[in-house]
């Protein structure tokens, strides 16, 4: 699928889609969801890819997927960039703590 085809499916120009892709333009949560739908992936997959450069695909129950979409929509509605940054920091901390607890202990 070409970038132009995806742009047409989402309802934006190819140039606008490129600006979203490169991060030069902020993207609304609703547009992110539309792009994910056009690509046939979940929105959280796009967010994970953008945050670390690698796709993070997990199999989640439907209720969790709905919660993720709701969280993305609410995050997009936070106007204050400091609040968004703080929320990301909390989520990162919670994820890091979870990963540390579930990681096997190293033996030497």
N, C-alpha and C. Protein backbone atom coordinates (compact mmCIF):
# COMPACT_ATOMS: atom_id res chain seq x y z
N UNK A 1 0.85 -1.17 0.00
CA UNK A 1 0.00 0.00 0.00
C UNK A 1 0.90 1.24 0.00
N UNK A 2 0.58 2.19 -0.85
CA UNK A 2 1.39 3.41 -0.93
C UNK A 2 0.92 4.43 0.12
N UNK A 3 1.78 5.39 0.35
CA UNK A 3 1.44 6.46 1.28
C UNK A 3 0.24 7.25 0.76
N UNK A 4 0.17 7.43 -0.55
CA UNK A 4 -0.95 8.16 -1.14
C UNK A 4 -2.26 7.39 -0.95
N UNK A 5 -2.22 6.08 -1.07
CA UNK A 5 -3.43 5.28 -0.87
C UNK A 5 -3.90 5.37 0.59
N UNK A 6 -2.96 5.30 1.50
CA UNK A 6 -3.32 5.42 2.92
C UNK A 6 -3.90 6.80 3.19
N UNK A 7 -3.27 7.83 2.64
CA UNK A 7 -3.75 9.20 2.82
C UNK A 7 -5.19 9.33 2.32
N UNK A 8 -5.47 8.75 1.17
CA UNK A 8 -6.84 8.80 0.62
C UNK A 8 -7.82 8.09 1.54
N UNK A 9 -7.43 6.96 2.09
CA UNK A 9 -8.31 6.21 2.99
C UNK A 9 -8.60 7.00 4.26
N UNK A 10 -7.60 7.78 4.71
CA UNK A 10 -7.73 8.53 5.95
C UNK A 10 -8.40 9.88 5.72
N UNK A 11 -8.33 10.38 4.49
CA UNK A 11 -8.95 11.66 4.18
C UNK A 11 -8.01 12.85 4.33
N UNK A 12 -6.71 12.62 4.12
CA UNK A 12 -5.73 13.70 4.16
C UNK A 12 -4.88 13.63 2.90
N UNK A 13 -4.08 14.65 2.68
CA UNK A 13 -3.17 14.63 1.53
C UNK A 13 -1.96 13.76 1.85
N UNK A 14 -1.26 13.34 0.82
CA UNK A 14 -0.02 12.58 1.01
C UNK A 14 1.00 13.38 1.81
N UNK A 15 1.05 14.68 1.53
CA UNK A 15 1.99 15.55 2.24
C UNK A 15 1.66 15.61 3.73
N UNK A 16 0.37 15.70 4.05
CA UNK A 16 -0.04 15.75 5.46
C UNK A 16 0.30 14.44 6.15
N UNK A 17 0.05 13.32 5.49
CA UNK A 17 0.37 12.03 6.07
C UNK A 17 1.88 11.93 6.33
N UNK A 18 2.67 12.46 5.41
CA UNK A 18 4.12 12.46 5.59
C UNK A 18 4.52 13.30 6.81
N UNK A 19 3.85 14.42 7.02
CA UNK A 19 4.14 15.26 8.19
C UNK A 19 3.80 14.52 9.48
N UNK A 20 2.70 13.75 9.46
CA UNK A 20 2.37 12.93 10.63
C UNK A 20 3.47 11.89 10.86
N UNK A 21 3.88 11.26 9.77
CA UNK A 21 4.87 10.19 9.85
C UNK A 21 6.21 10.67 10.40
N UNK A 22 6.62 11.86 10.01
CA UNK A 22 7.91 12.38 10.44
C UNK A 22 7.82 13.11 11.78
N UNK A 23 6.62 13.36 12.26
CA UNK A 23 6.46 14.04 13.54
C UNK A 23 6.52 15.54 13.45
N UNK A 24 6.50 16.08 12.23
CA UNK A 24 6.55 17.54 12.11
C UNK A 24 5.19 18.19 12.37
N UNK A 25 4.12 17.38 12.39
CA UNK A 25 2.78 17.86 12.70
C UNK A 25 2.17 16.96 13.75
N UNK A 26 1.56 17.56 14.78
CA UNK A 26 0.85 16.76 15.78
C UNK A 26 -0.35 16.10 15.15
N UNK A 27 -0.68 14.94 15.67
CA UNK A 27 -1.79 14.18 15.12
C UNK A 27 -2.87 14.01 16.17
N UNK A 28 -4.10 14.25 15.77
CA UNK A 28 -5.23 14.06 16.68
C UNK A 28 -5.46 12.56 16.88
N UNK A 29 -5.97 12.21 18.04
CA UNK A 29 -6.23 10.80 18.34
C UNK A 29 -7.17 10.18 17.31
N UNK A 30 -8.18 10.93 16.89
CA UNK A 30 -9.12 10.39 15.90
C UNK A 30 -8.43 10.10 14.57
N UNK A 31 -7.47 10.93 14.20
CA UNK A 31 -6.73 10.70 12.95
C UNK A 31 -5.79 9.50 13.10
N UNK A 32 -5.18 9.37 14.28
CA UNK A 32 -4.33 8.21 14.54
C UNK A 32 -5.14 6.92 14.43
N UNK A 33 -6.34 6.93 14.96
CA UNK A 33 -7.21 5.76 14.89
C UNK A 33 -7.57 5.47 13.43
N UNK A 34 -7.85 6.51 12.65
CA UNK A 34 -8.17 6.32 11.23
C UNK A 34 -6.99 5.71 10.48
N UNK A 35 -5.79 6.17 10.79
CA UNK A 35 -4.59 5.63 10.14
C UNK A 35 -4.40 4.17 10.54
N UNK A 36 -4.57 3.88 11.81
CA UNK A 36 -4.44 2.49 12.27
C UNK A 36 -5.45 1.60 11.57
N UNK A 37 -6.69 2.07 11.44
CA UNK A 37 -7.71 1.30 10.74
C UNK A 37 -7.33 1.07 9.28
N UNK A 38 -6.80 2.09 8.63
CA UNK A 38 -6.39 1.96 7.23
C UNK A 38 -5.26 0.94 7.08
N UNK A 39 -4.39 0.88 8.07
CA UNK A 39 -3.26 -0.05 8.02
C UNK A 39 -3.62 -1.44 8.55
N UNK A 40 -4.79 -1.54 9.17
CA UNK A 40 -5.21 -2.83 9.72
C UNK A 40 -4.48 -3.21 11.00
N UNK A 41 -4.08 -2.19 11.79
CA UNK A 41 -3.42 -2.44 13.08
C UNK A 41 -4.15 -1.66 14.16
N UNK A 42 -3.81 -1.96 15.41
CA UNK A 42 -4.40 -1.22 16.52
C UNK A 42 -3.62 0.06 16.74
N UNK A 43 -4.27 1.12 17.21
CA UNK A 43 -3.58 2.40 17.45
C UNK A 43 -2.39 2.28 18.39
N UNK A 44 -2.49 1.43 19.41
CA UNK A 44 -1.38 1.30 20.35
C UNK A 44 -0.13 0.73 19.67
N UNK A 45 -0.31 -0.03 18.60
CA UNK A 45 0.83 -0.54 17.85
C UNK A 45 1.59 0.62 17.21
N UNK A 46 0.85 1.59 16.66
CA UNK A 46 1.50 2.76 16.07
C UNK A 46 2.23 3.58 17.12
N UNK A 47 1.61 3.72 18.28
CA UNK A 47 2.23 4.50 19.35
C UNK A 47 3.50 3.82 19.84
N UNK A 48 3.46 2.51 20.00
CA UNK A 48 4.65 1.79 20.46
C UNK A 48 5.76 1.90 19.43
N UNK A 49 5.41 1.81 18.17
CA UNK A 49 6.41 1.91 17.11
C UNK A 49 7.05 3.30 17.12
N UNK A 50 6.24 4.31 17.31
CA UNK A 50 6.76 5.68 17.32
C UNK A 50 7.64 5.94 18.53
N UNK A 51 7.33 5.32 19.66
CA UNK A 51 8.08 5.61 20.87
C UNK A 51 9.43 4.93 20.92
N UNK A 52 9.57 3.75 20.30
CA UNK A 52 10.86 3.07 20.39
C UNK A 52 11.40 2.58 19.06
N UNK A 53 10.71 2.90 17.99
CA UNK A 53 11.20 2.53 16.67
C UNK A 53 10.91 1.10 16.27
N UNK A 54 10.34 0.31 17.16
CA UNK A 54 10.03 -1.08 16.83
C UNK A 54 8.58 -1.36 17.16
N UNK A 55 7.90 -2.13 16.32
CA UNK A 55 6.52 -2.49 16.62
C UNK A 55 6.44 -3.35 17.88
N UNK A 56 5.44 -3.12 18.66
CA UNK A 56 5.20 -3.90 19.86
C UNK A 56 3.79 -4.45 19.73
N UNK A 57 3.67 -5.63 19.19
CA UNK A 57 2.36 -6.21 18.93
C UNK A 57 2.05 -7.21 20.03
N UNK A 58 0.91 -7.01 20.66
CA UNK A 58 0.47 -7.93 21.69
C UNK A 58 -0.95 -8.34 21.39
N UNK A 59 -1.34 -9.43 21.93
CA UNK A 59 -2.71 -9.90 21.78
C UNK A 59 -3.45 -9.51 23.05
N UNK A 60 -4.39 -8.60 22.92
CA UNK A 60 -5.13 -8.11 24.08
C UNK A 60 -6.60 -8.46 23.94
N UNK A 61 -7.28 -8.67 25.06
CA UNK A 61 -8.72 -8.88 25.00
C UNK A 61 -9.40 -7.64 24.43
N UNK A 62 -10.57 -7.82 23.86
CA UNK A 62 -11.30 -6.71 23.23
C UNK A 62 -11.52 -5.57 24.21
N UNK A 63 -11.90 -5.88 25.45
CA UNK A 63 -12.16 -4.80 26.41
C UNK A 63 -10.91 -3.96 26.62
N UNK A 64 -9.74 -4.59 26.63
CA UNK A 64 -8.50 -3.84 26.80
C UNK A 64 -8.24 -2.97 25.58
N UNK A 65 -8.50 -3.49 24.39
CA UNK A 65 -8.32 -2.71 23.17
C UNK A 65 -9.21 -1.48 23.18
N UNK A 66 -10.44 -1.64 23.64
CA UNK A 66 -11.36 -0.50 23.73
C UNK A 66 -10.85 0.52 24.74
N UNK A 67 -10.28 0.04 25.83
CA UNK A 67 -9.72 0.94 26.82
C UNK A 67 -8.53 1.71 26.24
N UNK A 68 -7.73 1.06 25.43
CA UNK A 68 -6.58 1.71 24.81
C UNK A 68 -7.05 2.82 23.89
N UNK A 69 -8.06 2.54 23.08
CA UNK A 69 -8.59 3.56 22.17
C UNK A 69 -9.14 4.73 22.98
N UNK A 70 -9.86 4.44 24.06
CA UNK A 70 -10.40 5.50 24.91
C UNK A 70 -9.27 6.32 25.53
N UNK A 71 -8.22 5.65 25.98
CA UNK A 71 -7.08 6.34 26.57
C UNK A 71 -6.40 7.25 25.55
N UNK A 72 -6.25 6.77 24.32
CA UNK A 72 -5.65 7.58 23.27
C UNK A 72 -6.50 8.82 22.99
N UNK A 73 -7.82 8.63 22.95
CA UNK A 73 -8.70 9.77 22.69
C UNK A 73 -8.62 10.79 23.83
N UNK A 74 -8.61 10.31 25.06
CA UNK A 74 -8.52 11.23 26.18
C UNK A 74 -7.17 11.95 26.19
N UNK A 75 -6.10 11.21 25.90
CA UNK A 75 -4.76 11.81 25.87
C UNK A 75 -4.72 12.92 24.82
N UNK A 76 -5.33 12.68 23.66
CA UNK A 76 -5.36 13.69 22.61
C UNK A 76 -6.11 14.95 23.00
N UNK A 77 -6.99 14.84 23.97
CA UNK A 77 -7.77 16.00 24.42
C UNK A 77 -7.11 16.78 25.54
N UNK A 78 -5.97 16.33 26.02
CA UNK A 78 -5.24 17.06 27.07
C UNK A 78 -4.52 18.23 26.40
N UNK A 79 -4.92 19.43 26.74
CA UNK A 79 -4.39 20.62 26.07
C UNK A 79 -3.00 21.02 26.58
N UNK A 80 -2.77 20.85 27.86
CA UNK A 80 -1.51 21.31 28.46
C UNK A 80 -0.40 20.29 28.19
N UNK A 81 0.65 20.68 27.45
CA UNK A 81 1.73 19.73 27.16
C UNK A 81 2.43 19.20 28.41
N UNK A 82 2.42 19.98 29.48
CA UNK A 82 3.04 19.51 30.73
C UNK A 82 2.24 18.35 31.32
N UNK A 83 0.92 18.43 31.19
CA UNK A 83 0.08 17.34 31.69
C UNK A 83 0.29 16.08 30.87
N UNK A 84 0.42 16.24 29.54
CA UNK A 84 0.68 15.07 28.68
C UNK A 84 2.01 14.43 29.05
N UNK A 85 3.03 15.27 29.24
CA UNK A 85 4.35 14.77 29.59
C UNK A 85 4.31 14.03 30.93
N UNK A 86 3.60 14.59 31.88
CA UNK A 86 3.48 13.95 33.20
C UNK A 86 2.77 12.61 33.09
N UNK A 87 1.73 12.55 32.29
CA UNK A 87 0.99 11.31 32.12
C UNK A 87 1.86 10.24 31.47
N UNK A 88 2.64 10.62 30.47
CA UNK A 88 3.56 9.68 29.82
C UNK A 88 4.60 9.19 30.83
N UNK A 89 5.10 10.09 31.66
CA UNK A 89 6.09 9.70 32.67
C UNK A 89 5.51 8.69 33.65
N UNK A 90 4.28 8.90 34.08
CA UNK A 90 3.63 7.96 34.99
C UNK A 90 3.44 6.61 34.31
N UNK A 91 2.98 6.62 33.08
CA UNK A 91 2.78 5.36 32.36
C UNK A 91 4.11 4.64 32.16
N UNK A 92 5.16 5.38 31.83
CA UNK A 92 6.48 4.78 31.65
C UNK A 92 6.97 4.17 32.96
N UNK A 93 6.76 4.87 34.07
CA UNK A 93 7.18 4.37 35.37
C UNK A 93 6.42 3.08 35.69
N UNK A 94 5.12 3.07 35.46
CA UNK A 94 4.32 1.90 35.76
C UNK A 94 4.74 0.72 34.87
N UNK A 95 5.03 0.98 33.63
CA UNK A 95 5.45 -0.07 32.71
C UNK A 95 6.81 -0.61 33.11
N UNK A 96 7.72 0.27 33.49
CA UNK A 96 9.05 -0.14 33.90
C UNK A 96 8.98 -0.98 35.16
N UNK A 97 8.17 -0.56 36.12
CA UNK A 97 8.03 -1.33 37.36
C UNK A 97 7.47 -2.71 37.07
N UNK A 98 6.48 -2.79 36.17
CA UNK A 98 5.88 -4.07 35.82
C UNK A 98 6.93 -4.97 35.15
N UNK A 99 7.71 -4.41 34.26
CA UNK A 99 8.74 -5.19 33.56
C UNK A 99 9.80 -5.69 34.54
N UNK A 100 10.16 -4.86 35.52
CA UNK A 100 11.17 -5.26 36.50
C UNK A 100 10.66 -6.39 37.38
N UNK A 101 9.38 -6.33 37.75
CA UNK A 101 8.80 -7.37 38.61
C UNK A 101 8.66 -8.68 37.88
N UNK A 102 8.35 -8.65 36.58
CA UNK A 102 8.09 -9.88 35.85
C UNK A 102 9.33 -10.43 35.14
N UNK A 103 10.45 -9.69 35.17
CA UNK A 103 11.68 -10.18 34.54
C UNK A 103 12.32 -11.25 35.41
N UNK A 104 12.82 -12.32 34.78
CA UNK A 104 13.50 -13.35 35.58
C UNK A 104 14.77 -12.81 36.20
N UNK A 105 15.07 -13.26 37.38
CA UNK A 105 16.28 -12.79 38.07
C UNK A 105 17.49 -13.45 37.44
N UNK A 106 18.57 -12.66 37.32
CA UNK A 106 19.80 -13.19 36.74
C UNK A 106 20.58 -13.93 37.82
N UNK A 107 21.20 -15.01 37.39
CA UNK A 107 22.08 -15.74 38.31
C UNK A 107 23.49 -15.65 37.79
N UNK A 108 24.43 -15.50 38.69
CA UNK A 108 25.83 -15.38 38.27
C UNK A 108 26.66 -16.47 38.86
